Amino acid sequence: MAEIEPQPGKDGDIYVPYDKRSGVESTVYFTRDLSAEGLIKAFDTVGGHLHGKTGIKLHTGEPHGPNIIPRPWVKALIEQKLPDANIVETNTYYEGDRYTTEQHRKTIETNGWTFAPVDIMDEDGTAEIPVRGGKWFDHMTVGSHMLDYDSLLVLTHFKGHAMGGFGGSNKNIGIGCADGRIGKKAIHTKVHNNNMWSIDKEELMERISESAKATDNFFGDRIVYINVMRNMSVSCDCEGVAAQPVVTPNVGILASTDILAIDQACIDMVFAMKPEENHDLVERITTRHGLRQLSYMKELGMGNDRYKLIDLDNDNKRIVAKDAVQNLKPFVDTRAPEGKPAWEK
């Protein structure tokens, strides 16, 4: 008897308010301090879980990418807290300036990631790690060097994404730890299909999440998450200088040991903004059915969509997402003439 093909879930375009969710609460820490000091403050809440050889998974960006996490922030974090850590990346599935290891290393240098070792984890091949409880995968193919690490700091620039709707911690490791030829292809491309981007909407979100679950399970309690809500274009950093202008206000930095809770908190903050502040990003998230990332992570047992949001700037007071996005300043592109908003460029 033929195997029944998996079917993706639904409602990836439907936002579920906090009071409609069930289950226990995780802890998410929050600071409005978008600086090296703020990043270190956020790291201090979760960094004690990291031991041994540590990788820092971040998006190093396409050449001259305007929205990536500022290099001086990461440099300060490494120097003060993780002096022996490596930045870790994988090559891309699409052809471009990070497609081969040689091209990727040139881009890394162009973008200024020269203050710490950068390990391109699929440079020497791949490894397979299990996906527990998946319906699309029983394993994910990752860069072989990932197995050399004891701990992982997932340092994510939270933003939109052309196909995923949004790119948070789930996307950072779900796509970012999969190797450039096998793993990323399995996530994005249907078998025997000439369109390399033939998987989208709920099925894509589920495949990303299953891949992320493999990495999350591999590291266990030695993986932590930081999301930086700054320069949140609707475009991913993989679009480089072609990214759409940023119109969403900057918010702050979040940290957690729970991958679902931290991505959910970021989404809640976006949806708690005023319509004129969040319109573009909400539209990008919902039209791509990106919210299925969250509901499927919950189904996979990857964490909790309820959380205690701890305000590091105000004596660790518990707040809600709406409190975090009160009185936001309009985004101002610092590369534009002084004081000129990005949407007026």
Protein backbone atom coordinates (compact mmCIF):
# COMPACT_ATOMS: atom_id res chain seq x y z
CA MET A 1 0.00 0.00 0.00
CA ALA A 2 1.36 3.39 -0.99
CA GLU A 3 2.43 5.72 1.78
CA ILE A 4 0.09 8.64 2.44
CA GLU A 5 1.73 11.91 1.47
CA PRO A 6 2.11 14.38 4.36
CA GLN A 7 -0.24 17.33 4.24
CA PRO A 8 0.71 20.78 5.53
CA GLY A 9 -1.30 22.47 8.23
CA LYS A 10 -3.43 25.56 7.70
CA ASP A 11 -4.02 29.06 9.03
CA GLY A 12 -0.43 30.28 8.66
CA ASP A 13 -1.94 33.68 7.87
CA ILE A 14 -3.96 33.88 11.10
CA TYR A 15 -2.50 35.63 14.15
CA VAL A 16 -3.49 34.03 17.47
CA PRO A 17 -3.73 36.56 20.35
CA TYR A 18 -2.02 35.74 23.64
CA ASP A 19 -5.26 35.10 25.53
CA LYS A 20 -6.25 32.43 23.01
CA ARG A 21 -3.14 30.32 23.67
CA SER A 22 -2.75 27.56 26.21
CA GLY A 23 0.08 25.89 28.09
CA VAL A 24 2.87 26.87 30.44
CA GLU A 25 4.99 30.00 30.14
CA SER A 26 8.67 30.29 29.27
CA THR A 27 10.82 33.34 30.05
CA VAL A 28 11.88 35.94 27.48
CA TYR A 29 14.14 38.85 28.47
CA PHE A 30 13.87 42.25 26.77
CA THR A 31 15.89 45.44 26.55
CA ARG A 32 15.28 48.54 24.44
CA ASP A 33 19.04 49.21 24.43
CA LEU A 34 20.10 48.67 20.83
CA SER A 35 23.85 48.80 21.32
CA ALA A 36 26.79 46.57 22.16
CA GLU A 37 25.97 47.12 25.83
CA GLY A 38 22.36 46.09 25.25
CA LEU A 39 23.44 42.95 23.42
CA ILE A 40 25.73 42.01 26.30
CA LYS A 41 22.95 42.74 28.81
CA ALA A 42 20.65 40.36 26.93
CA PHE A 43 23.38 37.73 26.61
CA ASP A 44 24.03 37.75 30.36
CA THR A 45 20.51 36.41 30.98
CA VAL A 46 21.11 33.20 29.00
CA GLY A 47 24.86 32.87 28.44
CA GLY A 48 25.39 30.59 31.43
CA HIS A 49 23.96 27.70 29.41
CA LEU A 50 26.92 27.75 27.00
CA HIS A 51 29.87 25.47 27.72
CA GLY A 52 32.84 24.12 25.82
CA LYS A 53 33.42 24.94 22.17
CA THR A 54 30.80 27.51 21.20
CA GLY A 55 29.52 28.60 17.81
CA ILE A 56 27.68 31.85 17.16
CA LYS A 57 25.16 31.35 14.35
CA LEU A 58 24.39 34.67 12.75
CA HIS A 59 23.65 35.93 9.25
CA THR A 60 26.87 37.49 7.96
CA GLY A 61 24.95 38.95 5.00
CA GLU A 62 25.40 39.53 1.31
CA PRO A 63 28.09 42.07 0.27
CA HIS A 64 27.51 45.47 1.92
CA GLY A 65 24.21 44.29 3.39
CA PRO A 66 22.73 47.37 5.08
CA ASN A 67 20.65 45.75 7.82
CA ILE A 68 22.77 43.00 9.39
CA ILE A 69 23.62 43.12 13.10
CA PRO A 70 26.40 45.70 13.53
CA ARG A 71 29.84 44.08 13.60
CA PRO A 72 31.09 46.23 16.53
CA TRP A 73 28.30 44.83 18.71
CA VAL A 74 29.28 41.26 17.93
CA LYS A 75 32.97 42.05 18.35
CA ALA A 76 32.33 43.47 21.82
CA LEU A 77 30.24 40.44 22.79
CA ILE A 78 32.94 38.02 21.68
CA GLU A 79 35.77 39.94 23.32
CA GLN A 80 33.98 40.33 26.64
CA LYS A 81 31.98 37.12 26.92
CA LEU A 82 33.00 34.49 24.33
CA PRO A 83 36.67 35.02 23.46
CA ASP A 84 37.13 31.48 22.14
CA ALA A 85 33.92 31.29 20.10
CA ASN A 86 33.64 30.97 16.33
CA ILE A 87 31.05 32.61 14.12
CA VAL A 88 29.43 29.78 12.14
CA GLU A 89 27.68 29.86 8.76
CA THR A 90 26.83 27.63 5.78
CA ASN A 91 26.93 28.24 2.05
CA THR A 92 23.80 29.27 0.16
CA TYR A 93 21.52 27.16 -2.01
CA TYR A 94 21.20 29.93 -4.60
CA GLU A 95 24.14 30.99 -6.76
CA GLY A 96 25.70 34.27 -5.72
CA ASP A 97 28.35 35.74 -3.47
CA ARG A 98 28.03 33.06 -0.78
CA TYR A 99 27.42 30.00 -2.98
CA THR A 100 30.90 28.50 -2.74
CA THR A 101 33.21 28.59 0.24
CA GLU A 102 35.67 30.77 -1.67
CA GLN A 103 32.96 33.27 -2.62
CA HIS A 104 31.55 33.16 0.89
CA ARG A 105 34.90 33.97 2.50
CA LYS A 106 35.33 36.99 0.22
CA THR A 107 31.90 38.26 1.26
CA ILE A 108 32.66 37.68 4.93
CA GLU A 109 35.78 39.82 4.56
CA THR A 110 33.89 42.49 2.61
CA ASN A 111 31.32 42.74 5.39
CA GLY A 112 33.95 43.11 8.11
CA TRP A 113 33.61 39.79 9.94
CA THR A 114 37.38 39.66 10.38
CA PHE A 115 37.69 40.02 14.17
CA ALA A 116 36.90 36.34 14.95
CA PRO A 117 37.21 32.99 13.18
CA VAL A 118 34.33 32.25 10.82
CA ASP A 119 33.64 28.56 10.32
CA ILE A 120 31.73 27.72 7.14
CA MET A 121 30.32 24.51 8.50
CA ASP A 122 29.71 22.73 5.18
CA GLU A 123 33.15 23.57 3.79
CA ASP A 124 34.28 19.96 4.25
CA GLY A 125 30.99 18.18 3.63
CA THR A 126 27.84 17.29 5.50
CA ALA A 127 26.46 15.30 8.41
CA GLU A 128 23.00 13.96 9.16
CA ILE A 129 21.22 14.61 12.46
CA PRO A 130 17.81 13.20 13.42
CA VAL A 131 14.48 15.03 13.23
CA ARG A 132 12.34 13.72 16.06
CA GLY A 133 8.63 13.54 15.31
CA GLY A 134 8.77 15.17 11.89
CA LYS A 135 6.34 14.44 9.06
CA TRP A 136 8.53 15.76 6.22
CA PHE A 137 11.96 14.61 7.44
CA ASP A 138 13.43 11.90 9.63
CA HIS A 139 16.81 13.63 9.46
CA MET A 140 18.33 16.92 8.32
CA THR A 141 21.61 17.37 6.48
CA VAL A 142 23.80 20.04 8.07
CA GLY A 143 27.34 21.29 7.71
CA SER A 144 29.65 18.60 9.08
CA HIS A 145 31.53 21.06 11.30
CA MET A 146 28.41 21.59 13.41
CA LEU A 147 29.15 18.33 15.16
CA ASP A 148 32.41 19.82 16.44
CA TYR A 149 30.57 22.28 18.73
CA ASP A 150 29.37 21.80 22.29
CA SER A 151 27.13 24.89 22.44
CA LEU A 152 25.41 27.31 20.08
CA LEU A 153 24.42 30.96 20.47
CA VAL A 154 21.76 31.72 17.86
CA LEU A 155 22.15 35.46 17.27
CA THR A 156 19.39 36.53 14.93
CA HIS A 157 18.52 39.71 13.11
CA PHE A 158 14.71 39.58 13.25
CA LYS A 159 13.17 40.84 10.00
CA GLY A 160 10.84 39.89 7.17
CA HIS A 161 11.55 37.21 4.60
CA ALA A 162 10.50 36.86 0.96
CA MET A 163 9.22 33.29 1.38
CA GLY A 164 9.18 32.62 5.12
CA GLY A 165 7.24 35.77 6.00
CA PHE A 166 9.65 36.49 8.82
CA GLY A 167 13.13 35.43 9.77
CA GLY A 168 13.63 34.74 13.46
CA SER A 169 15.62 32.18 15.40
CA ASN A 170 13.68 29.34 13.76
CA LYS A 171 14.70 30.42 10.28
CA ASN A 172 18.26 31.24 11.38
CA ILE A 173 19.02 27.64 12.30
CA GLY A 174 16.35 25.90 10.22
CA ILE A 175 17.80 27.18 6.97
CA GLY A 176 21.09 28.58 8.25
CA CYS A 177 22.50 25.32 9.65
CA ALA A 178 21.31 23.15 6.73
CA ASP A 179 24.11 22.71 4.22
CA GLY A 180 24.00 24.58 0.93
CA ARG A 181 23.36 21.68 -1.44
CA ILE A 182 21.39 18.89 0.26
CA GLY A 183 19.70 20.28 3.37
CA LYS A 184 18.55 23.58 1.90
CA LYS A 185 17.34 21.80 -1.25
CA ALA A 186 15.23 19.42 0.84
CA ILE A 187 13.60 22.40 2.55
CA HIS A 188 12.90 24.45 -0.57
CA THR A 189 12.45 22.13 -3.56
CA LYS A 190 9.97 19.40 -4.40
CA VAL A 191 11.52 16.21 -5.77
CA HIS A 192 11.91 16.22 -9.57
CA ASN A 193 10.79 19.86 -9.81
CA ASN A 194 12.72 22.34 -11.94
CA ASN A 195 11.67 25.27 -9.73
CA MET A 196 14.15 25.38 -6.86
CA TRP A 197 11.68 27.45 -4.79
CA SER A 198 8.71 25.12 -5.38
CA ILE A 199 7.79 24.73 -1.68
CA ASP A 200 6.08 27.67 0.00
CA LYS A 201 3.49 28.76 2.56
CA GLU A 202 2.60 26.25 5.32
CA GLU A 203 4.67 23.40 3.93
CA LEU A 204 7.79 25.56 3.79
CA MET A 205 7.24 26.77 7.37
CA GLU A 206 6.91 23.19 8.56
CA ARG A 207 10.06 22.06 6.77
CA ILE A 208 12.03 25.00 8.19
CA SER A 209 10.77 24.16 11.67
CA GLU A 210 11.63 20.47 11.42
CA SER A 211 15.14 21.39 10.32
CA ALA A 212 15.43 23.83 13.23
CA LYS A 213 14.20 21.14 15.62
CA ALA A 214 17.06 18.89 14.54
CA THR A 215 19.63 21.54 15.55
CA ASP A 216 17.74 22.53 18.71
CA ASN A 217 17.63 18.88 19.82
CA PHE A 218 21.27 18.30 18.89
CA PHE A 219 22.46 20.96 21.35
CA GLY A 220 19.75 20.36 23.97
CA ASP A 221 20.17 22.73 26.93
CA ARG A 222 23.37 24.14 25.42
CA ILE A 223 21.64 26.35 22.85
CA VAL A 224 20.34 29.87 23.53
CA TYR A 225 18.61 32.50 21.43
CA ILE A 226 18.95 36.27 20.99
CA ASN A 227 16.77 38.20 18.53
CA VAL A 228 17.70 41.76 17.52
CA MET A 229 14.65 43.78 16.38
CA ARG A 230 16.45 46.48 14.44
CA ASN A 231 16.39 47.57 10.77
CA MET A 232 13.46 45.23 10.14
CA SER A 233 13.05 45.33 6.38
CA VAL A 234 10.44 43.02 4.90
CA SER A 235 13.41 41.56 3.04
CA CYS A 236 15.85 39.01 4.42
CA ASP A 237 19.55 39.87 4.75
CA CYS A 238 20.10 37.43 1.86
CA GLU A 239 18.79 40.21 -0.42
CA GLY A 240 21.68 42.49 0.54
CA VAL A 241 21.57 45.99 -0.93
CA ALA A 242 18.40 45.05 -2.85
CA ALA A 243 16.42 44.79 0.41
CA GLN A 244 13.25 46.84 0.60
CA PRO A 245 13.54 50.11 2.57
CA VAL A 246 12.91 49.79 6.29
CA VAL A 247 9.73 51.50 7.52
CA THR A 248 9.11 49.56 10.76
CA PRO A 249 10.45 51.20 13.94
CA ASN A 250 13.31 49.61 15.85
CA VAL A 251 12.27 47.86 19.06
CA GLY A 252 15.06 46.22 21.06
CA ILE A 253 16.81 42.94 21.87
CA LEU A 254 15.26 39.74 23.25
CA ALA A 255 16.89 36.66 24.79
CA SER A 256 15.56 33.24 25.79
CA THR A 257 16.38 29.56 26.02
CA ASP A 258 13.06 28.82 24.25
CA ILE A 259 13.12 29.15 20.45
CA LEU A 260 9.34 29.31 20.09
CA ALA A 261 8.85 31.79 22.92
CA ILE A 262 11.42 34.26 21.56
CA ASP A 263 10.07 34.20 17.99
CA GLN A 264 6.50 34.43 19.29
CA ALA A 265 7.41 37.41 21.48
CA CYS A 266 8.89 39.22 18.47
CA ILE A 267 5.78 38.52 16.42
CA ASP A 268 3.58 39.73 19.29
CA MET A 269 5.56 42.98 19.43
CA VAL A 270 5.13 43.51 15.70
CA PHE A 271 1.39 42.86 15.87
CA ALA A 272 1.09 45.16 18.93
CA MET A 273 2.42 48.15 16.98
CA LYS A 274 0.22 50.82 15.48
CA PRO A 275 -1.06 50.00 11.95
CA GLU A 276 1.07 52.73 10.39
CA GLU A 277 4.14 51.19 12.03
CA ASN A 278 3.62 47.50 11.29
CA HIS A 279 1.61 47.45 8.06
CA ASP A 280 4.39 46.34 5.71
CA LEU A 281 5.84 43.69 8.01
CA VAL A 282 2.44 42.24 8.99
CA GLU A 283 1.48 42.06 5.34
CA ARG A 284 4.70 40.23 4.49
CA ILE A 285 4.24 37.75 7.37
CA THR A 286 0.59 36.95 6.68
CA THR A 287 0.71 36.77 2.87
CA ARG A 288 3.49 34.18 3.11
CA HIS A 289 1.61 32.28 5.83
CA GLY A 290 4.68 32.67 8.01
CA LEU A 291 2.79 32.28 11.30
CA ARG A 292 2.71 28.54 10.63
CA GLN A 293 6.30 28.54 11.86
CA LEU A 294 4.97 29.26 15.35
CA SER A 295 2.04 26.87 15.48
CA TYR A 296 4.10 24.03 14.04
CA MET A 297 6.97 24.62 16.46
CA LYS A 298 4.39 24.18 19.22
CA GLU A 299 3.08 20.97 17.66
CA LEU A 300 6.65 19.67 17.46
CA GLY A 301 7.22 20.37 21.15
CA MET A 302 9.93 22.96 20.48
CA GLY A 303 8.81 25.35 23.20
CA ASN A 304 5.95 27.48 24.46
CA ASP A 305 3.98 30.25 22.78
CA ARG A 306 3.17 31.74 26.19
CA TYR A 307 5.92 33.53 28.07
CA LYS A 308 6.85 35.95 30.83
CA LEU A 309 8.37 39.04 29.22
CA ILE A 310 10.98 40.48 31.59
CA ASP A 311 11.95 44.14 31.16
CA LEU A 312 15.69 44.37 31.82
CA ASP A 313 15.55 48.17 31.70
CA ASN A 314 13.05 48.46 34.56
CA ASP A 315 14.08 46.24 37.47
CA ASN A 316 13.09 43.02 35.70
CA LYS A 317 9.43 44.00 35.80
CA ARG A 318 7.05 41.74 33.90
CA ILE A 319 5.49 43.49 30.91
CA VAL A 320 3.47 42.54 27.83
CA ALA A 321 4.30 43.01 24.16
CA LYS A 322 2.25 46.20 23.91
CA ASP A 323 4.36 47.77 26.70
CA ALA A 324 7.54 47.03 24.73
CA VAL A 325 6.38 48.94 21.65
CA GLN A 326 4.93 52.07 23.27
CA ASN A 327 6.20 55.39 21.90
CA LEU A 328 8.46 53.92 19.24
CA LYS A 329 10.42 56.39 17.18
CA PRO A 330 9.96 56.27 13.38
CA PHE A 331 12.77 54.38 11.70
CA VAL A 332 15.51 56.69 10.51
CA ASP A 333 18.03 55.30 8.03
CA THR A 334 21.42 56.33 9.40
CA ARG A 335 22.88 56.01 5.91
CA ALA A 336 20.54 58.74 4.65
CA PRO A 337 21.05 62.48 5.23
CA GLU A 338 20.71 63.34 8.91
CA GLY A 339 17.15 63.10 10.17
CA LYS A 340 15.67 61.93 6.88
CA PRO A 341 13.32 58.93 7.31
CA ALA A 342 14.04 55.94 5.11
CA TRP A 343 10.64 56.04 3.42
CA GLU A 344 11.36 59.57 2.16
CA LYS A 345 14.54 58.54 0.37
